[in-house]
């Protein structure tokens, strides 16, 4: 039987409309939690921890209120038995608060972690895990963050992040999507040539794309698929015929007016919010191995996600990274 890891990147939009904390994070995340609870599923939320940092530093009535909303929700996530893990979008350093609950992210010069020094990167890992651990330990005193996902999937070259992993106690990375490639002026990832005998999870040491049997870290790749003709037809028909259920409920957008187009492959990551439920199930069936990792974002939530979760719950069991580590000991 295949096991599913349900992962969600907990973050605002980084386009021309960031969206508000309430409508982009709080409301859709609550809908996700309700759906997973009904199906007996467990999710993993990769929290863009710098959201918390800069909301607090802005120090306005609105941003402090948003900060407390997020803290309360993250503690509710842990209380329900789900996980919060580390996610870093470092271009928060250039963000500007608009004063109305939204942020200006139009400066992408620090979109990638690699625009910082190794010492600065390690500091982000240290501060991020300390922040998330302190929030979670109000609910679960022994809680430890153990996993990481890079903002923009920019986890290469890994040698710049290795010290941060070690200092923060990170055991698992989930930034790789086998076969995917993208390059822009501000970030790049290239996972077209992953050297591993296992497509589900493998150990690595100095390079996230090279399996190392005695490595200190696990890579749990985001499941990917080649977006061929059938998938495009399914998804288009679904969006056209059931627009109400296929439209995000948020108040933000991915659209970026000032970011040049990037090169990318036809390989896509398996995500419930942007695919027809039939496409999701089809892509899961075609995955090699017994472990499937889905990626999604609360900000992209559509009502069809609830259908996907229900269908997935009927056929597959969801697990967390803790279970995965325990099973490999």
C-alpha atoms as a PDB file:
ATOM      1  CA  UNK A   1       0.000   0.000   0.000  1.00  0.00           C
ATOM      2  CA  UNK A   2       1.284   3.454  -0.877  1.00  0.00           C
ATOM      3  CA  UNK A   3       1.731   6.006   1.879  1.00  0.00           C
ATOM      4  CA  UNK A   4       1.119   9.715   1.327  1.00  0.00           C
ATOM      5  CA  UNK A   5       2.941  12.655   2.869  1.00  0.00           C
ATOM      6  CA  UNK A   6       0.720  15.742   2.663  1.00  0.00           C
ATOM      7  CA  UNK A   7       2.880  18.876   2.728  1.00  0.00           C
ATOM      8  CA  UNK A   8       1.767  22.510   2.665  1.00  0.00           C
ATOM      9  CA  UNK A   9       3.994  25.583   2.312  1.00  0.00           C
ATOM     10  CA  UNK A  10       2.572  28.057   4.816  1.00  0.00           C
ATOM     11  CA  UNK A  11       3.323  31.473   3.293  1.00  0.00           C
ATOM     12  CA  UNK A  12       1.873  34.644   1.782  1.00  0.00           C
ATOM     13  CA  UNK A  13       1.883  35.373  -1.955  1.00  0.00           C
ATOM     14  CA  UNK A  14       5.051  36.953  -3.317  1.00  0.00           C
ATOM     15  CA  UNK A  15       3.435  38.594  -6.334  1.00  0.00           C
ATOM     16  CA  UNK A  16       1.838  42.009  -6.815  1.00  0.00           C
ATOM     17  CA  UNK A  17      -0.787  41.151  -4.142  1.00  0.00           C
ATOM     18  CA  UNK A  18       0.562  39.354  -1.085  1.00  0.00           C
ATOM     19  CA  UNK A  19      -2.885  38.716   0.318  1.00  0.00           C
ATOM     20  CA  UNK A  20      -3.782  39.214   3.956  1.00  0.00           C
ATOM     21  CA  UNK A  21      -2.856  36.833   6.754  1.00  0.00           C
ATOM     22  CA  UNK A  22      -6.496  36.073   7.515  1.00  0.00           C
ATOM     23  CA  UNK A  23      -7.635  35.211   3.986  1.00  0.00           C
ATOM     24  CA  UNK A  24      -4.371  33.794   2.637  1.00  0.00           C
ATOM     25  CA  UNK A  25      -3.310  31.718   5.647  1.00  0.00           C
ATOM     26  CA  UNK A  26      -5.808  31.451   8.493  1.00  0.00           C
ATOM     27  CA  UNK A  27      -9.049  30.714   6.620  1.00  0.00           C
ATOM     28  CA  UNK A  28      -7.726  28.198   4.056  1.00  0.00           C
ATOM     29  CA  UNK A  29      -5.534  26.431   6.631  1.00  0.00           C
ATOM     30  CA  UNK A  30      -8.552  25.928   8.882  1.00  0.00           C
ATOM     31  CA  UNK A  31     -10.418  24.389   5.939  1.00  0.00           C
ATOM     32  CA  UNK A  32      -7.484  22.047   5.322  1.00  0.00           C
ATOM     33  CA  UNK A  33      -7.334  21.044   8.985  1.00  0.00           C
ATOM     34  CA  UNK A  34     -11.069  20.321   9.108  1.00  0.00           C
ATOM     35  CA  UNK A  35     -10.888  18.163   5.970  1.00  0.00           C
ATOM     36  CA  UNK A  36      -7.856  16.203   7.158  1.00  0.00           C
ATOM     37  CA  UNK A  37      -9.353  15.651  10.600  1.00  0.00           C
ATOM     38  CA  UNK A  38     -12.495  14.166   8.998  1.00  0.00           C
ATOM     39  CA  UNK A  39     -10.369  11.788   6.928  1.00  0.00           C
ATOM     40  CA  UNK A  40      -7.977  10.875   9.747  1.00  0.00           C
ATOM     41  CA  UNK A  41      -5.052  12.399   7.832  1.00  0.00           C
ATOM     42  CA  UNK A  42      -1.945  14.135   9.125  1.00  0.00           C
ATOM     43  CA  UNK A  43      -0.331  17.066   7.349  1.00  0.00           C
ATOM     44  CA  UNK A  44       3.035  18.802   7.423  1.00  0.00           C
ATOM     45  CA  UNK A  45       3.121  22.594   7.262  1.00  0.00           C
ATOM     46  CA  UNK A  46       6.394  24.153   6.145  1.00  0.00           C
ATOM     47  CA  UNK A  47       6.179  27.501   7.891  1.00  0.00           C
ATOM     48  CA  UNK A  48       7.825  30.536   6.331  1.00  0.00           C
ATOM     49  CA  UNK A  49       9.076  31.579   9.751  1.00  0.00           C
ATOM     50  CA  UNK A  50      10.252  35.032   8.649  1.00  0.00           C
ATOM     51  CA  UNK A  51       6.595  35.947   8.245  1.00  0.00           C
ATOM     52  CA  UNK A  52       6.460  35.867  12.026  1.00  0.00           C
ATOM     53  CA  UNK A  53       9.709  37.794  12.403  1.00  0.00           C
ATOM     54  CA  UNK A  54       8.739  40.691  10.167  1.00  0.00           C
ATOM     55  CA  UNK A  55       5.135  40.914  11.343  1.00  0.00           C
ATOM     56  CA  UNK A  56       6.504  41.401  14.833  1.00  0.00           C
ATOM     57  CA  UNK A  57       9.169  43.875  13.742  1.00  0.00           C
ATOM     58  CA  UNK A  58       6.614  46.007  11.843  1.00  0.00           C
ATOM     59  CA  UNK A  59       5.057  46.524  15.273  1.00  0.00           C
ATOM     60  CA  UNK A  60       1.672  47.910  14.239  1.00  0.00           C
ATOM     61  CA  UNK A  61      -1.679  46.962  15.716  1.00  0.00           C
ATOM     62  CA  UNK A  62      -2.570  45.034  12.553  1.00  0.00           C
ATOM     63  CA  UNK A  63       0.741  43.182  12.169  1.00  0.00           C
ATOM     64  CA  UNK A  64       0.867  42.218  15.852  1.00  0.00           C
ATOM     65  CA  UNK A  65      -2.700  40.928  15.585  1.00  0.00           C
ATOM     66  CA  UNK A  66      -1.729  38.920  12.490  1.00  0.00           C
ATOM     67  CA  UNK A  67       1.313  37.585  14.351  1.00  0.00           C
ATOM     68  CA  UNK A  68      -0.878  36.306  17.186  1.00  0.00           C
ATOM     69  CA  UNK A  69      -3.339  34.746  14.717  1.00  0.00           C
ATOM     70  CA  UNK A  70      -0.525  32.761  13.132  1.00  0.00           C
ATOM     71  CA  UNK A  71       0.967  31.669  16.470  1.00  0.00           C
ATOM     72  CA  UNK A  72      -2.447  30.450  17.642  1.00  0.00           C
ATOM     73  CA  UNK A  73      -3.006  28.558  14.393  1.00  0.00           C
ATOM     74  CA  UNK A  74       0.423  26.906  14.456  1.00  0.00           C
ATOM     75  CA  UNK A  75      -0.225  25.722  18.000  1.00  0.00           C
ATOM     76  CA  UNK A  76      -3.626  24.391  16.887  1.00  0.00           C
ATOM     77  CA  UNK A  77      -1.898  22.523  14.052  1.00  0.00           C
ATOM     78  CA  UNK A  78       0.439  20.817  16.545  1.00  0.00           C
ATOM     79  CA  UNK A  79      -2.412  20.169  18.973  1.00  0.00           C
ATOM     80  CA  UNK A  80      -4.311  18.293  16.251  1.00  0.00           C
ATOM     81  CA  UNK A  81      -1.320  16.013  15.659  1.00  0.00           C
ATOM     82  CA  UNK A  82       0.044  17.630  12.505  1.00  0.00           C
ATOM     83  CA  UNK A  83       3.590  18.949  12.089  1.00  0.00           C
ATOM     84  CA  UNK A  84       5.155  22.358  11.561  1.00  0.00           C
ATOM     85  CA  UNK A  85       8.567  22.382   9.876  1.00  0.00           C
ATOM     86  CA  UNK A  86      11.048  24.978   8.611  1.00  0.00           C
ATOM     87  CA  UNK A  87      10.578  26.986   5.417  1.00  0.00           C
ATOM     88  CA  UNK A  88      12.728  29.985   4.478  1.00  0.00           C
ATOM     89  CA  UNK A  89      11.862  32.755   2.010  1.00  0.00           C
ATOM     90  CA  UNK A  90      14.766  35.119   2.690  1.00  0.00           C
ATOM     91  CA  UNK A  91      13.549  38.001   0.516  1.00  0.00           C
ATOM     92  CA  UNK A  92      11.476  39.138   3.486  1.00  0.00           C
ATOM     93  CA  UNK A  93      14.589  41.202   4.234  1.00  0.00           C
ATOM     94  CA  UNK A  94      13.540  43.549   1.393  1.00  0.00           C
ATOM     95  CA  UNK A  95       9.772  43.464   2.042  1.00  0.00           C
ATOM     96  CA  UNK A  96       7.838  46.636   2.813  1.00  0.00           C
ATOM     97  CA  UNK A  97       4.644  46.764   4.816  1.00  0.00           C
ATOM     98  CA  UNK A  98       1.809  48.492   2.951  1.00  0.00           C
ATOM     99  CA  UNK A  99      -0.104  49.418   6.099  1.00  0.00           C
ATOM    100  CA  UNK A 100      -3.293  47.556   5.163  1.00  0.00           C
ATOM    101  CA  UNK A 101      -2.382  43.994   6.129  1.00  0.00           C
ATOM    102  CA  UNK A 102      -0.480  43.351   2.878  1.00  0.00           C
ATOM    103  CA  UNK A 103       3.206  43.447   1.928  1.00  0.00           C
ATOM    104  CA  UNK A 104       5.267  44.644  -1.025  1.00  0.00           C
ATOM    105  CA  UNK A 105       7.571  41.822  -2.226  1.00  0.00           C
ATOM    106  CA  UNK A 106       8.577  43.343  -5.560  1.00  0.00           C
ATOM    107  CA  UNK A 107      12.309  43.346  -4.710  1.00  0.00           C
ATOM    108  CA  UNK A 108      13.548  39.853  -5.612  1.00  0.00           C
ATOM    109  CA  UNK A 109      17.282  40.477  -5.226  1.00  0.00           C
ATOM    110  CA  UNK A 110      17.355  38.241  -2.123  1.00  0.00           C
ATOM    111  CA  UNK A 111      14.825  35.653  -3.326  1.00  0.00           C
ATOM    112  CA  UNK A 112      17.412  32.879  -3.058  1.00  0.00           C
ATOM    113  CA  UNK A 113      19.240  31.847   0.105  1.00  0.00           C
ATOM    114  CA  UNK A 114      22.435  31.949  -1.920  1.00  0.00           C
ATOM    115  CA  UNK A 115      22.318  35.738  -2.037  1.00  0.00           C
ATOM    116  CA  UNK A 116      23.483  35.615   1.598  1.00  0.00           C
ATOM    117  CA  UNK A 117      26.707  34.456   3.234  1.00  0.00           C
ATOM    118  CA  UNK A 118      26.967  31.009   4.792  1.00  0.00           C
ATOM    119  CA  UNK A 119      27.019  32.595   8.252  1.00  0.00           C
ATOM    120  CA  UNK A 120      23.797  34.488   7.519  1.00  0.00           C
ATOM    121  CA  UNK A 121      22.140  31.346   6.167  1.00  0.00           C
ATOM    122  CA  UNK A 122      23.130  29.351   9.250  1.00  0.00           C
ATOM    123  CA  UNK A 123      21.730  32.121  11.433  1.00  0.00           C
ATOM    124  CA  UNK A 124      18.383  31.893   9.594  1.00  0.00           C
ATOM    125  CA  UNK A 125      18.240  28.154  10.243  1.00  0.00           C
ATOM    126  CA  UNK A 126      19.094  28.629  13.898  1.00  0.00           C
ATOM    127  CA  UNK A 127      16.624  31.453  14.496  1.00  0.00           C
ATOM    128  CA  UNK A 128      13.890  29.780  12.441  1.00  0.00           C
ATOM    129  CA  UNK A 129      13.979  26.459  14.283  1.00  0.00           C
ATOM    130  CA  UNK A 130      14.160  28.217  17.645  1.00  0.00           C
ATOM    131  CA  UNK A 131      11.084  30.286  16.738  1.00  0.00           C
ATOM    132  CA  UNK A 132       9.014  27.322  15.576  1.00  0.00           C
ATOM    133  CA  UNK A 133      10.138  25.063  18.427  1.00  0.00           C
ATOM    134  CA  UNK A 134       9.205  27.684  21.015  1.00  0.00           C
ATOM    135  CA  UNK A 135       5.727  28.022  19.507  1.00  0.00           C
ATOM    136  CA  UNK A 136       5.147  24.268  19.277  1.00  0.00           C
ATOM    137  CA  UNK A 137       6.498  23.504  22.764  1.00  0.00           C
ATOM    138  CA  UNK A 138       3.645  25.425  24.369  1.00  0.00           C
ATOM    139  CA  UNK A 139       1.545  22.467  23.196  1.00  0.00           C
ATOM    140  CA  UNK A 140       4.134  19.679  23.048  1.00  0.00           C
ATOM    141  CA  UNK A 141       7.122  20.333  25.370  1.00  0.00           C
ATOM    142  CA  UNK A 142       9.490  17.936  23.576  1.00  0.00           C
ATOM    143  CA  UNK A 143       8.735  19.169  20.068  1.00  0.00           C
ATOM    144  CA  UNK A 144      11.635  19.433  17.621  1.00  0.00           C
ATOM    145  CA  UNK A 145      11.594  20.694  14.054  1.00  0.00           C
ATOM    146  CA  UNK A 146      13.253  18.015  11.899  1.00  0.00           C
ATOM    147  CA  UNK A 147      12.552  18.966   8.259  1.00  0.00           C
ATOM    148  CA  UNK A 148      13.220  21.793   5.820  1.00  0.00           C
ATOM    149  CA  UNK A 149      11.970  23.030   2.457  1.00  0.00           C
ATOM    150  CA  UNK A 150      13.794  25.798   0.617  1.00  0.00           C
ATOM    151  CA  UNK A 151      11.864  28.806  -0.628  1.00  0.00           C
ATOM    152  CA  UNK A 152      11.757  28.611  -4.413  1.00  0.00           C
ATOM    153  CA  UNK A 153      13.221  25.076  -4.028  1.00  0.00           C
ATOM    154  CA  UNK A 154      16.715  26.653  -4.137  1.00  0.00           C
ATOM    155  CA  UNK A 155      18.588  24.019  -2.170  1.00  0.00           C
ATOM    156  CA  UNK A 156      21.616  23.813  -4.480  1.00  0.00           C
ATOM    157  CA  UNK A 157      24.553  23.804  -3.889  1.00  0.00           C
ATOM    158  CA  UNK A 158      23.857  22.135  -0.569  1.00  0.00           C
ATOM    159  CA  UNK A 159      27.274  22.894   0.922  1.00  0.00           C
ATOM    160  CA  UNK A 160      26.038  26.427   1.713  1.00  0.00           C
ATOM    161  CA  UNK A 161      23.165  24.989   3.808  1.00  0.00           C
ATOM    162  CA  UNK A 162      24.882  22.020   5.417  1.00  0.00           C
ATOM    163  CA  UNK A 163      26.037  23.850   8.525  1.00  0.00           C
ATOM    164  CA  UNK A 164      22.560  25.271   9.026  1.00  0.00           C
ATOM    165  CA  UNK A 165      21.088  21.751   8.858  1.00  0.00           C
ATOM    166  CA  UNK A 166      23.560  20.481  11.445  1.00  0.00           C
ATOM    167  CA  UNK A 167      23.169  23.399  13.847  1.00  0.00           C
ATOM    168  CA  UNK A 168      19.373  23.394  13.631  1.00  0.00           C
ATOM    169  CA  UNK A 169      19.056  19.609  13.942  1.00  0.00           C
ATOM    170  CA  UNK A 170      17.406  19.219  10.526  1.00  0.00           C
ATOM    171  CA  UNK A 171      17.322  15.581   9.417  1.00  0.00           C
ATOM    172  CA  UNK A 172      15.095  15.778   6.330  1.00  0.00           C
ATOM    173  CA  UNK A 173      14.989  17.934   3.236  1.00  0.00           C
ATOM    174  CA  UNK A 174      11.973  18.002   0.920  1.00  0.00           C
ATOM    175  CA  UNK A 175      12.935  20.557  -1.737  1.00  0.00           C
ATOM    176  CA  UNK A 176      13.765  18.242  -4.654  1.00  0.00           C
ATOM    177  CA  UNK A 177      11.255  17.333  -7.377  1.00  0.00           C
ATOM    178  CA  UNK A 178      12.919  14.762  -9.613  1.00  0.00           C
ATOM    179  CA  UNK A 179      13.080  15.901 -13.230  1.00  0.00           C
ATOM    180  CA  UNK A 180      12.123  19.519 -12.519  1.00  0.00           C
ATOM    181  CA  UNK A 181      14.210  22.480 -13.632  1.00  0.00           C
ATOM    182  CA  UNK A 182      13.737  26.231 -13.457  1.00  0.00           C
ATOM    183  CA  UNK A 183      16.004  29.206 -13.945  1.00  0.00           C
ATOM    184  CA  UNK A 184      15.357  32.911 -13.546  1.00  0.00           C
ATOM    185  CA  UNK A 185      17.559  35.931 -12.781  1.00  0.00           C
ATOM    186  CA  UNK A 186      16.899  35.467  -9.052  1.00  0.00           C
ATOM    187  CA  UNK A 187      16.750  31.736  -8.409  1.00  0.00           C
ATOM    188  CA  UNK A 188      17.501  28.376  -9.937  1.00  0.00           C
ATOM    189  CA  UNK A 189      16.986  24.697  -9.260  1.00  0.00           C
ATOM    190  CA  UNK A 190      17.967  21.730 -11.411  1.00  0.00           C
ATOM    191  CA  UNK A 191      16.729  18.272 -10.444  1.00  0.00           C
ATOM    192  CA  UNK A 192      16.892  16.699 -13.898  1.00  0.00           C
ATOM    193  CA  UNK A 193      19.680  14.278 -13.021  1.00  0.00           C
ATOM    194  CA  UNK A 194      19.038  12.847  -9.571  1.00  0.00           C
ATOM    195  CA  UNK A 195      21.374   9.926  -8.879  1.00  0.00           C
ATOM    196  CA  UNK A 196      19.381   7.512  -6.713  1.00  0.00           C
ATOM    197  CA  UNK A 197      17.911   4.021  -6.893  1.00  0.00           C
ATOM    198  CA  UNK A 198      14.852   5.117  -4.882  1.00  0.00           C
ATOM    199  CA  UNK A 199      12.410   7.766  -6.102  1.00  0.00           C
ATOM    200  CA  UNK A 200      10.591   8.006  -2.745  1.00  0.00           C
ATOM    201  CA  UNK A 201      13.324   8.839  -0.204  1.00  0.00           C
ATOM    202  CA  UNK A 202      17.074   8.475   0.008  1.00  0.00           C
ATOM    203  CA  UNK A 203      19.998   9.482   2.170  1.00  0.00           C
ATOM    204  CA  UNK A 204      22.482  12.130   1.057  1.00  0.00           C
ATOM    205  CA  UNK A 205      25.480  13.996   2.399  1.00  0.00           C
ATOM    206  CA  UNK A 206      26.868  16.857   0.306  1.00  0.00           C
ATOM    207  CA  UNK A 207      24.529  16.965  -2.686  1.00  0.00           C
ATOM    208  CA  UNK A 208      20.726  16.644  -2.494  1.00  0.00           C
ATOM    209  CA  UNK A 209      20.634  15.011  -5.938  1.00  0.00           C
ATOM    210  CA  UNK A 210      23.166  12.273  -5.134  1.00  0.00           C
ATOM    211  CA  UNK A 211      22.253   9.311  -2.936  1.00  0.00           C
ATOM    212  CA  UNK A 212      24.787   8.519  -0.218  1.00  0.00           C
ATOM    213  CA  UNK A 213      23.981   5.302   1.646  1.00  0.00           C
ATOM    214  CA  UNK A 214      25.708   6.496   4.834  1.00  0.00           C
ATOM    215  CA  UNK A 215      24.672  10.142   4.573  1.00  0.00           C
ATOM    216  CA  UNK A 216      23.490  12.168   7.545  1.00  0.00           C
ATOM    217  CA  UNK A 217      20.375  13.546   5.871  1.00  0.00           C
ATOM    218  CA  UNK A 218      17.259  12.243   4.140  1.00  0.00           C
ATOM    219  CA  UNK A 219      15.853  13.666   0.927  1.00  0.00           C
ATOM    220  CA  UNK A 220      12.115  13.069   0.604  1.00  0.00           C
ATOM    221  CA  UNK A 221      11.395  14.332  -2.923  1.00  0.00           C
ATOM    222  CA  UNK A 222       8.192  16.088  -3.868  1.00  0.00           C
ATOM    223  CA  UNK A 223       6.407  13.729  -6.244  1.00  0.00           C
ATOM    224  CA  UNK A 224       6.531  14.934  -9.844  1.00  0.00           C
ATOM    225  CA  UNK A 225       4.957  13.977 -13.159  1.00  0.00           C
ATOM    226  CA  UNK A 226       5.292  14.848 -16.825  1.00  0.00           C
ATOM    227  CA  UNK A 227       2.445  17.176 -17.668  1.00  0.00           C
ATOM    228  CA  UNK A 228       1.361  15.630 -20.939  1.00  0.00           C
ATOM    229  CA  UNK A 229      -1.705  16.081 -23.125  1.00  0.00           C
ATOM    230  CA  UNK A 230      -4.140  14.021 -21.022  1.00  0.00           C
ATOM    231  CA  UNK A 231      -3.327  15.980 -17.864  1.00  0.00           C
ATOM    232  CA  UNK A 232      -3.774  19.303 -19.635  1.00  0.00           C
ATOM    233  CA  UNK A 233      -7.173  18.205 -20.980  1.00  0.00           C
ATOM    234  CA  UNK A 234      -8.375  16.962 -17.577  1.00  0.00           C
ATOM    235  CA  UNK A 235      -7.318  20.151 -15.820  1.00  0.00           C
ATOM    236  CA  UNK A 236      -8.732  22.514 -18.435  1.00  0.00           C
ATOM    237  CA  UNK A 237     -12.115  20.764 -18.493  1.00  0.00           C
ATOM    238  CA  UNK A 238     -12.227  20.809 -14.720  1.00  0.00           C
ATOM    239  CA  UNK A 239     -11.443  24.541 -14.517  1.00  0.00           C
ATOM    240  CA  UNK A 240     -13.926  25.390 -17.278  1.00  0.00           C
ATOM    241  CA  UNK A 241     -16.822  23.240 -16.091  1.00  0.00           C
ATOM    242  CA  UNK A 242     -16.400  23.601 -12.332  1.00  0.00           C
ATOM    243  CA  UNK A 243     -14.863  27.040 -12.035  1.00  0.00           C
ATOM    244  CA  UNK A 244     -16.463  27.672  -8.655  1.00  0.00           C
ATOM    245  CA  UNK A 245     -14.626  24.710  -7.142  1.00  0.00           C
ATOM    246  CA  UNK A 246     -11.352  25.284  -8.984  1.00  0.00           C
ATOM    247  CA  UNK A 247     -10.853  28.965  -8.093  1.00  0.00           C
ATOM    248  CA  UNK A 248      -8.654  29.920  -5.103  1.00  0.00           C
ATOM    249  CA  UNK A 249     -10.520  31.570  -2.228  1.00  0.00           C
ATOM    250  CA  UNK A 250      -7.696  33.898  -1.216  1.00  0.00           C
ATOM    251  CA  UNK A 251      -7.209  37.657  -1.725  1.00  0.00           C
ATOM    252  CA  UNK A 252      -3.653  37.439  -3.117  1.00  0.00           C
ATOM    253  CA  UNK A 253      -2.057  36.470  -6.421  1.00  0.00           C
ATOM    254  CA  UNK A 254       1.044  34.793  -7.877  1.00  0.00           C
ATOM    255  CA  UNK A 255       1.197  37.351 -10.698  1.00  0.00           C
ATOM    256  CA  UNK A 256       4.443  39.325 -10.845  1.00  0.00           C
ATOM    257  CA  UNK A 257       4.684  42.248 -13.233  1.00  0.00           C
ATOM    258  CA  UNK A 258       8.387  42.910 -12.811  1.00  0.00           C
ATOM    259  CA  UNK A 259       9.811  39.390 -12.696  1.00  0.00           C
ATOM    260  CA  UNK A 260      11.179  38.200 -16.067  1.00  0.00           C
ATOM    261  CA  UNK A 261       9.914  34.866 -17.405  1.00  0.00           C
ATOM    262  CA  UNK A 262      11.950  31.852 -16.380  1.00  0.00           C
ATOM    263  CA  UNK A 263      12.958  28.687 -18.173  1.00  0.00           C
ATOM    264  CA  UNK A 264      11.361  25.503 -16.873  1.00  0.00           C
ATOM    265  CA  UNK A 265      10.717  21.875 -17.819  1.00  0.00           C
ATOM    266  CA  UNK A 266       7.397  20.203 -18.549  1.00  0.00           C
ATOM    267  CA  UNK A 267       7.802  18.225 -15.311  1.00  0.00           C
ATOM    268  CA  UNK A 268       5.415  19.479 -12.622  1.00  0.00           C
ATOM    269  CA  UNK A 269       4.935  18.773  -8.927  1.00  0.00           C
ATOM    270  CA  UNK A 270       1.838  16.886  -7.799  1.00  0.00           C
ATOM    271  CA  UNK A 271      -0.443  19.419  -6.148  1.00  0.00           C
ATOM    272  CA  UNK A 272      -4.140  19.116  -5.309  1.00  0.00           C
ATOM    273  CA  UNK A 273      -5.097  22.785  -5.664  1.00  0.00           C
ATOM    274  CA  UNK A 274      -3.939  23.171  -9.266  1.00  0.00           C
ATOM    275  CA  UNK A 275      -4.999  19.817 -10.663  1.00  0.00           C
ATOM    276  CA  UNK A 276      -8.258  18.089 -11.444  1.00  0.00           C
ATOM    277  CA  UNK A 277      -8.906  15.364  -8.810  1.00  0.00           C
ATOM    278  CA  UNK A 278      -8.687  12.776 -11.610  1.00  0.00           C
ATOM    279  CA  UNK A 279      -5.259  14.117 -12.536  1.00  0.00           C
ATOM    280  CA  UNK A 280      -4.122  13.901  -8.919  1.00  0.00           C
ATOM    281  CA  UNK A 281      -5.186  10.267  -8.579  1.00  0.00           C
ATOM    282  CA  UNK A 282      -3.709   9.377 -11.969  1.00  0.00           C
ATOM    283  CA  UNK A 283      -0.356  10.954 -11.095  1.00  0.00           C
ATOM    284  CA  UNK A 284      -0.282   9.160  -7.724  1.00  0.00           C
ATOM    285  CA  UNK A 285      -0.917   5.780  -9.364  1.00  0.00           C
ATOM    286  CA  UNK A 286       1.945   6.369 -11.784  1.00  0.00           C
ATOM    287  CA  UNK A 287       4.505   7.142  -9.077  1.00  0.00           C
ATOM    288  CA  UNK A 288       7.277   4.622  -8.515  1.00  0.00           C
ATOM    289  CA  UNK A 289       7.784   3.409  -4.963  1.00  0.00           C
ATOM    290  CA  UNK A 290       5.437   3.236  -1.990  1.00  0.00           C
ATOM    291  CA  UNK A 291       5.858   6.773  -0.683  1.00  0.00           C
ATOM    292  CA  UNK A 292       4.196   9.768  -2.356  1.00  0.00           C
ATOM    293  CA  UNK A 293       4.862  13.366  -1.303  1.00  0.00           C
ATOM    294  CA  UNK A 294       2.311  15.962  -2.376  1.00  0.00           C
ATOM    295  CA  UNK A 295       2.954  19.702  -2.214  1.00  0.00           C
ATOM    296  CA  UNK A 296       0.357  22.407  -1.739  1.00  0.00           C
ATOM    297  CA  UNK A 297      -0.115  25.857  -0.258  1.00  0.00           C
ATOM    298  CA  UNK A 298      -2.991  27.073   1.927  1.00  0.00           C
ATOM    299  CA  UNK A 299      -2.945  30.257  -0.202  1.00  0.00           C
ATOM    300  CA  UNK A 300      -3.837  28.169  -3.297  1.00  0.00           C
ATOM    301  CA  UNK A 301      -6.756  26.423  -1.599  1.00  0.00           C
ATOM    302  CA  UNK A 302      -9.720  25.602  -3.816  1.00  0.00           C
ATOM    303  CA  UNK A 303     -12.811  23.715  -2.711  1.00  0.00           C
ATOM    304  CA  UNK A 304     -11.745  20.831  -4.942  1.00  0.00           C
ATOM    305  CA  UNK A 305      -8.884  20.184  -2.492  1.00  0.00           C
ATOM    306  CA  UNK A 306     -11.449  18.806  -0.043  1.00  0.00           C
ATOM    307  CA  UNK A 307     -12.532  16.294  -2.711  1.00  0.00           C
ATOM    308  CA  UNK A 308      -8.923  15.328  -3.367  1.00  0.00           C
ATOM    309  CA  UNK A 309      -8.206  14.761   0.305  1.00  0.00           C
ATOM    310  CA  UNK A 310     -11.317  12.602   0.639  1.00  0.00           C
ATOM    311  CA  UNK A 311     -10.438  10.509  -2.420  1.00  0.00           C
ATOM    312  CA  UNK A 312      -6.818  10.124  -1.292  1.00  0.00           C
ATOM    313  CA  UNK A 313      -7.962   9.138   2.195  1.00  0.00           C
ATOM    314  CA  UNK A 314     -10.066   6.311   0.747  1.00  0.00           C
ATOM    315  CA  UNK A 315      -7.087   4.660  -0.953  1.00  0.00           C
ATOM    316  CA  UNK A 316      -3.927   5.755   0.844  1.00  0.00           C
ATOM    317  CA  UNK A 317      -2.602   6.274   4.371  1.00  0.00           C
ATOM    318  CA  UNK A 318      -0.972   9.575   5.287  1.00  0.00           C
ATOM    319  CA  UNK A 319       2.201   9.565   7.390  1.00  0.00           C
ATOM    320  CA  UNK A 320       4.539  12.160   8.886  1.00  0.00           C
ATOM    321  CA  UNK A 321       8.315  12.489   8.750  1.00  0.00           C
ATOM    322  CA  UNK A 322       8.522  11.179  12.319  1.00  0.00           C
ATOM    323  CA  UNK A 323       7.019   7.879  11.194  1.00  0.00           C
ATOM    324  CA  UNK A 324       9.357   7.775   8.221  1.00  0.00           C
ATOM    325  CA  UNK A 325      12.439   8.194  10.443  1.00  0.00           C
ATOM    326  CA  UNK A 326      11.199   5.584  12.895  1.00  0.00           C
ATOM    327  CA  UNK A 327      10.639   3.075  10.084  1.00  0.00           C
ATOM    328  CA  UNK A 328      14.196   3.531   8.790  1.00  0.00           C
ATOM    329  CA  UNK A 329      15.965   2.971  12.111  1.00  0.00           C
END
